[in-house]
Amino acid sequence: MTGETTNTPKTDAAANSFVPGRVGVVGLGLMGGSFARAFRAAGVDVYAWNRTKSTLELAEIETVRGELDDKTIPTCELIVLAGYPQSAIDWLAEKAGLIADGAIVIDTVGVKRVICEKCGAIAKGRGWTFVGCHPMAGTQYSGFAHSRATMFKGAPMVVVPPEGMDDFERVEILERLKALLAPCQFGSFTLASAPVHDRMIAFTSQLCHVVSNAYVKSPSSRDHHGFSAGSYRDLTRVARLNAPMWTELFLDNADYLSDELGTIIKNLQDYKDAIDEGDAERLEQLLADGDRIKREIEGR
């Protein structure tokens, strides 16, 4: 690894060169902390910024080399925006002029249309590239204390390539990105457009959080101990969530999430109607249809 540049950061254009392989992480929550730990475990220099200084100070003990500030931003080849959607956009807008030419900026936000549109606009005409990313990993817990270096091992990474590039430029930037992310040990990289990502994530993630969160609001939930096992645990795992963050994510993807909620509400009403009417034939058909679809999806 080469030595750190001594050039002074410029606010209009970052003319100084980055240190190859060096990473900056913006936000040391579950995702950002796990990225920082993964890079550190692989011997990569990591600098970080976090709104709460005490978390950054904790991370500096064993995970990050120092603060991601106006002096260290231009030395990073890769910058990971790991905060809430608007905070990621705001940070990038403020620090865009400090990012080195040739650097790559990615995000970890769970919606892509708003992020790619706004961050893409910030990156337009600059010497660095923004690539929308969403690692398919996490837990029901939040915060740096729950982050771990192996969070992304074997997990899929969804990538939204930047617009306005020809095929050769796109392949080159994606290959560089895969090499830079190698320490995280992602299991696969899936390319998608921002609308396709947001439509699918409304079903595979956001709907699950809404249903789980609503499910535990039953009055029966307070008496479940001794009566629950795997089914209950599986269905309620993500009822525990970061409410401010998920509120922002849900509203940034309101159209697709609302469509999915409409579908599941209708499906649940079908089951309720069959049960209320004592229609065993209809109920059995509904259950058989769900079983069949699940088997078809799994290929068995």
Protein backbone atom coordinates (compact mmCIF):
# COMPACT_ATOMS: atom_id res chain seq x y z
CA MET A 1 0.00 0.00 0.00
CA THR A 2 1.40 3.40 -0.99
CA GLY A 3 2.03 6.28 1.36
CA GLU A 4 -0.62 8.84 2.18
CA THR A 5 -0.87 11.83 -0.10
CA THR A 6 0.23 15.18 1.32
CA ASN A 7 -1.75 17.34 -1.12
CA THR A 8 -4.18 19.81 0.40
CA PRO A 9 -7.84 18.97 -0.31
CA LYS A 10 -9.58 21.41 -2.62
CA THR A 11 -13.22 22.32 -2.19
CA ASP A 12 -13.98 22.76 -5.90
CA ALA A 13 -12.25 19.64 -7.26
CA ALA A 14 -10.20 16.97 -5.56
CA ALA A 15 -7.05 17.01 -7.67
CA ASN A 16 -5.03 14.91 -5.27
CA SER A 17 -4.64 11.16 -5.72
CA PHE A 18 -6.25 8.58 -3.48
CA VAL A 19 -4.31 5.89 -1.65
CA PRO A 20 -5.10 2.65 -3.53
CA GLY A 21 -7.47 0.46 -1.57
CA ARG A 22 -8.13 2.95 1.22
CA VAL A 23 -11.77 3.08 2.35
CA GLY A 24 -13.93 5.73 3.98
CA VAL A 25 -17.15 4.78 5.77
CA VAL A 26 -19.87 7.34 6.46
CA GLY A 27 -21.99 6.15 9.38
CA LEU A 28 -20.99 3.47 11.89
CA GLY A 29 -24.29 1.73 12.46
CA LEU A 30 -24.89 -1.96 11.78
CA MET A 31 -24.03 -1.73 8.07
CA GLY A 32 -21.26 0.83 8.22
CA GLY A 33 -19.71 -0.82 11.25
CA SER A 34 -19.73 -4.20 9.52
CA PHE A 35 -18.07 -2.75 6.41
CA ALA A 36 -15.43 -1.10 8.58
CA ARG A 37 -14.77 -4.30 10.51
CA ALA A 38 -14.57 -6.41 7.33
CA PHE A 39 -12.05 -4.08 5.72
CA ARG A 40 -10.03 -3.81 8.91
CA ALA A 41 -9.93 -7.60 9.29
CA ALA A 42 -8.41 -7.77 5.80
CA GLY A 43 -5.74 -5.21 6.67
CA VAL A 44 -7.31 -2.34 4.72
CA ASP A 45 -6.92 1.23 5.95
CA VAL A 46 -10.37 2.47 7.04
CA TYR A 47 -11.40 5.98 8.00
CA ALA A 48 -14.90 6.75 9.27
CA TRP A 49 -17.30 9.56 10.02
CA ASN A 50 -20.16 9.21 12.48
CA ARG A 51 -22.61 11.75 13.82
CA THR A 52 -22.12 10.49 17.39
CA LYS A 53 -18.48 11.07 18.29
CA SER A 54 -18.47 8.50 21.09
CA THR A 55 -19.19 5.73 18.57
CA LEU A 56 -16.33 6.92 16.36
CA GLU A 57 -14.00 7.01 19.36
CA LEU A 58 -14.98 3.44 20.21
CA ALA A 59 -14.35 2.33 16.63
CA GLU A 60 -10.93 4.02 16.62
CA ILE A 61 -9.75 1.68 19.37
CA GLU A 62 -9.62 -1.38 17.13
CA THR A 63 -11.47 -0.85 13.85
CA VAL A 64 -10.82 2.45 12.08
CA ARG A 65 -7.55 4.29 11.63
CA GLY A 66 -9.03 7.72 12.13
CA GLU A 67 -11.77 10.17 11.26
CA LEU A 68 -13.02 10.61 7.72
CA ASP A 69 -12.67 14.37 7.45
CA ASP A 70 -11.68 16.99 4.89
CA LYS A 71 -8.06 15.81 4.99
CA THR A 72 -8.72 12.07 4.66
CA ILE A 73 -11.69 12.08 2.27
CA PRO A 74 -9.43 12.81 -0.76
CA THR A 75 -7.18 9.85 0.14
CA CYS A 76 -9.93 7.22 -0.16
CA GLU A 77 -10.41 5.09 -3.26
CA LEU A 78 -13.77 3.79 -2.00
CA ILE A 79 -16.31 5.65 0.12
CA VAL A 80 -19.29 3.80 1.61
CA LEU A 81 -22.37 5.85 2.51
CA ALA A 82 -24.00 3.80 5.26
CA GLY A 83 -26.44 6.24 6.86
CA TYR A 84 -30.15 6.94 6.44
CA PRO A 85 -31.18 7.92 2.87
CA GLN A 86 -31.32 11.69 3.40
CA SER A 87 -28.22 11.78 5.59
CA ALA A 88 -26.26 9.93 2.90
CA ILE A 89 -27.42 12.40 0.27
CA ASP A 90 -26.64 15.39 2.48
CA TRP A 91 -23.12 14.16 3.31
CA LEU A 92 -22.31 13.54 -0.34
CA ALA A 93 -23.62 16.94 -1.40
CA GLU A 94 -21.46 18.65 1.23
CA LYS A 95 -18.26 16.69 0.60
CA ALA A 96 -18.48 16.04 -3.16
CA GLY A 97 -15.69 18.48 -3.98
CA LEU A 98 -13.24 16.68 -1.70
CA ILE A 99 -13.56 13.22 -3.26
CA ALA A 100 -10.59 12.23 -5.41
CA ASP A 101 -10.83 11.81 -9.16
CA GLY A 102 -11.17 8.12 -9.97
CA ALA A 103 -12.68 7.22 -6.60
CA ILE A 104 -15.88 5.18 -6.28
CA VAL A 105 -18.71 6.10 -3.92
CA ILE A 106 -21.35 3.52 -3.01
CA ASP A 107 -24.26 3.45 -0.60
CA THR A 108 -25.91 0.73 1.48
CA VAL A 109 -29.40 2.24 1.56
CA GLY A 110 -32.40 -0.08 1.18
CA VAL A 111 -34.05 2.02 -1.54
CA LYS A 112 -32.43 2.94 -4.81
CA ARG A 113 -34.56 5.31 -6.90
CA VAL A 114 -34.23 8.34 -4.61
CA ILE A 115 -30.58 7.60 -3.77
CA CYS A 116 -29.43 6.95 -7.33
CA GLU A 117 -31.30 9.96 -8.68
CA LYS A 118 -29.96 12.43 -6.13
CA CYS A 119 -26.46 11.02 -5.63
CA GLY A 120 -26.13 10.49 -9.36
CA ALA A 121 -26.94 14.15 -9.90
CA ILE A 122 -24.31 15.17 -7.34
CA ALA A 123 -21.72 12.99 -9.11
CA LYS A 124 -22.56 14.25 -12.59
CA GLY A 125 -19.63 16.00 -14.25
CA ARG A 126 -17.17 15.06 -11.51
CA GLY A 127 -14.12 12.84 -11.74
CA TRP A 128 -15.44 10.16 -9.39
CA THR A 129 -18.30 7.68 -9.81
CA PHE A 130 -21.39 6.92 -7.72
CA VAL A 131 -22.70 3.33 -7.83
CA GLY A 132 -25.92 2.40 -6.04
CA CYS A 133 -25.50 -0.69 -3.85
CA HIS A 134 -27.60 -2.69 -1.39
CA PRO A 135 -26.04 -5.53 0.60
CA MET A 136 -28.61 -8.26 1.29
CA ALA A 137 -27.57 -8.85 4.89
CA GLY A 138 -28.34 -7.65 8.38
CA THR A 139 -30.01 -8.49 11.66
CA GLN A 140 -32.98 -7.19 13.62
CA TYR A 141 -30.53 -5.26 15.79
CA SER A 142 -28.94 -1.91 15.00
CA GLY A 143 -25.83 -0.01 15.99
CA PHE A 144 -22.08 -0.44 15.88
CA ALA A 145 -22.12 -2.85 18.85
CA HIS A 146 -23.97 -5.43 16.74
CA SER A 147 -21.80 -5.05 13.62
CA ARG A 148 -19.40 -7.82 12.67
CA ALA A 149 -16.68 -8.43 10.12
CA THR A 150 -18.46 -11.51 8.69
CA MET A 151 -21.84 -9.82 8.16
CA PHE A 152 -21.59 -9.95 4.37
CA LYS A 153 -19.82 -13.29 3.95
CA GLY A 154 -21.71 -15.23 1.28
CA ALA A 155 -24.46 -12.59 1.03
CA PRO A 156 -25.77 -11.14 -2.25
CA MET A 157 -24.93 -7.57 -3.20
CA VAL A 158 -27.38 -5.76 -5.48
CA VAL A 159 -25.68 -3.17 -7.69
CA VAL A 160 -27.36 -0.40 -9.68
CA PRO A 161 -24.83 0.66 -12.35
CA PRO A 162 -24.54 4.37 -13.09
CA GLU A 163 -26.38 5.71 -16.12
CA GLY A 164 -24.64 7.40 -19.02
CA MET A 165 -21.77 4.90 -19.29
CA ASP A 166 -21.01 2.73 -22.26
CA ASP A 167 -20.65 -1.03 -21.76
CA PHE A 168 -16.86 -0.92 -21.46
CA GLU A 169 -16.91 1.84 -18.85
CA ARG A 170 -19.60 0.00 -16.89
CA VAL A 171 -17.69 -3.28 -16.89
CA GLU A 172 -14.49 -1.52 -15.81
CA ILE A 173 -16.11 0.27 -12.87
CA LEU A 174 -17.96 -2.86 -11.73
CA GLU A 175 -14.81 -4.98 -11.83
CA ARG A 176 -12.98 -2.36 -9.78
CA LEU A 177 -15.84 -2.28 -7.32
CA LYS A 178 -15.86 -6.07 -6.93
CA ALA A 179 -12.10 -6.01 -6.26
CA LEU A 180 -12.44 -3.23 -3.68
CA LEU A 181 -15.26 -5.11 -1.92
CA ALA A 182 -13.40 -8.43 -1.90
CA PRO A 183 -12.61 -8.20 1.85
CA CYS A 184 -16.37 -8.26 2.57
CA GLN A 185 -16.66 -11.71 0.90
CA PHE A 186 -19.99 -11.15 -0.84
CA GLY A 187 -21.37 -14.34 -2.33
CA SER A 188 -22.76 -12.79 -5.50
CA PHE A 189 -23.34 -9.52 -7.33
CA THR A 190 -26.73 -8.90 -8.95
CA LEU A 191 -27.22 -6.02 -11.39
CA ALA A 192 -30.58 -4.26 -11.40
CA SER A 193 -32.16 -0.96 -12.32
CA ALA A 194 -33.30 1.26 -9.47
CA PRO A 195 -37.04 0.66 -10.13
CA VAL A 196 -36.58 -3.12 -10.31
CA HIS A 197 -34.63 -3.07 -7.05
CA ASP A 198 -37.25 -0.99 -5.26
CA ARG A 199 -40.14 -3.13 -6.51
CA MET A 200 -38.47 -6.35 -5.38
CA ILE A 201 -37.27 -4.98 -2.04
CA ALA A 202 -40.81 -3.83 -1.25
CA PHE A 203 -41.77 -7.53 -1.35
CA THR A 204 -38.68 -9.30 0.01
CA SER A 205 -37.83 -6.90 2.86
CA GLN A 206 -40.14 -3.98 3.52
CA LEU A 207 -43.38 -5.98 3.49
CA CYS A 208 -41.81 -8.52 5.86
CA HIS A 209 -40.99 -5.76 8.34
CA VAL A 210 -44.48 -4.26 8.17
CA VAL A 211 -46.21 -7.64 8.58
CA SER A 212 -43.93 -8.71 11.42
CA ASN A 213 -44.32 -5.38 13.19
CA ALA A 214 -48.12 -5.51 12.85
CA TYR A 215 -48.32 -9.18 13.87
CA VAL A 216 -46.89 -8.59 17.37
CA LYS A 217 -49.58 -5.98 18.06
CA SER A 218 -52.08 -8.76 18.75
CA PRO A 219 -53.21 -8.75 22.39
CA SER A 220 -52.22 -12.43 22.44
CA SER A 221 -48.54 -11.57 21.96
CA ARG A 222 -48.07 -10.78 25.65
CA ASP A 223 -49.15 -14.30 26.60
CA HIS A 224 -47.23 -16.28 23.97
CA HIS A 225 -44.49 -17.65 26.25
CA GLY A 226 -44.80 -21.40 26.53
CA PHE A 227 -46.97 -21.55 23.42
CA SER A 228 -44.55 -20.45 20.70
CA ALA A 229 -41.66 -22.03 18.81
CA GLY A 230 -40.01 -21.66 15.42
CA SER A 231 -43.01 -20.34 13.51
CA TYR A 232 -43.50 -17.47 15.92
CA ARG A 233 -39.79 -16.63 16.04
CA ASP A 234 -39.44 -16.69 12.25
CA LEU A 235 -42.46 -14.47 11.70
CA THR A 236 -41.60 -11.91 14.39
CA ARG A 237 -37.82 -11.61 14.04
CA VAL A 238 -37.91 -8.29 12.20
CA ALA A 239 -40.72 -6.79 14.27
CA ARG A 240 -37.86 -5.31 16.25
CA LEU A 241 -36.56 -2.47 14.07
CA ASN A 242 -35.14 1.03 13.89
CA ALA A 243 -38.39 3.00 13.54
CA PRO A 244 -36.96 6.33 12.23
CA MET A 245 -34.87 4.58 9.58
CA TRP A 246 -37.65 2.27 8.36
CA THR A 247 -40.13 5.15 8.27
CA GLU A 248 -37.83 6.97 5.85
CA LEU A 249 -37.27 3.85 3.76
CA PHE A 250 -40.99 2.99 3.58
CA LEU A 251 -41.98 6.49 2.49
CA ASP A 252 -39.18 6.64 -0.10
CA ASN A 253 -40.69 3.47 -1.60
CA ALA A 254 -44.34 4.17 -0.81
CA ASP A 255 -45.80 3.24 -4.19
CA TYR A 256 -44.32 -0.25 -4.43
CA LEU A 257 -44.79 -1.00 -0.72
CA SER A 258 -48.41 0.12 -0.84
CA ASP A 259 -49.04 -2.21 -3.79
CA GLU A 260 -47.60 -5.16 -1.85
CA LEU A 261 -49.64 -4.28 1.24
CA GLY A 262 -52.80 -4.15 -0.89
CA THR A 263 -52.04 -7.63 -2.23
CA ILE A 264 -51.44 -9.23 1.16
CA ILE A 265 -54.48 -7.50 2.70
CA LYS A 266 -56.66 -8.98 -0.07
CA ASN A 267 -55.10 -12.42 0.37
CA LEU A 268 -55.61 -12.34 4.13
CA GLN A 269 -59.22 -11.26 3.63
CA ASP A 270 -59.76 -14.34 1.44
CA TYR A 271 -58.59 -16.58 4.28
CA LYS A 272 -60.71 -14.70 6.83
CA ASP A 273 -63.82 -14.93 4.66
CA ALA A 274 -63.40 -18.69 4.18
CA ILE A 275 -62.90 -19.19 7.93
CA ASP A 276 -65.83 -16.92 8.91
CA GLU A 277 -68.09 -18.77 6.49
CA GLY A 278 -66.87 -22.21 7.55
CA ASP A 279 -66.01 -22.93 3.91
CA ALA A 280 -63.61 -25.86 4.29
CA GLU A 281 -63.28 -26.45 0.55
CA ARG A 282 -62.33 -22.83 -0.15
CA LEU A 283 -59.94 -22.69 2.82
CA GLU A 284 -58.21 -25.90 1.80
CA GLN A 285 -57.80 -24.55 -1.74
CA LEU A 286 -56.25 -21.32 -0.46
CA LEU A 287 -53.81 -23.25 1.71
CA ALA A 288 -52.95 -25.66 -1.11
CA ASP A 289 -52.32 -22.75 -3.48
CA GLY A 290 -49.85 -21.17 -1.06
CA ASP A 291 -48.07 -24.48 -0.54
CA ARG A 292 -47.87 -25.06 -4.30
CA ILE A 293 -46.48 -21.58 -5.01
CA LYS A 294 -43.83 -21.96 -2.28
CA ARG A 295 -42.73 -25.32 -3.70
CA GLU A 296 -42.56 -23.89 -7.23
CA ILE A 297 -40.45 -20.95 -6.04
CA GLU A 298 -38.04 -23.31 -4.29
CA GLY A 299 -37.92 -25.62 -7.32
CA ARG A 300 -39.20 -28.70 -5.54
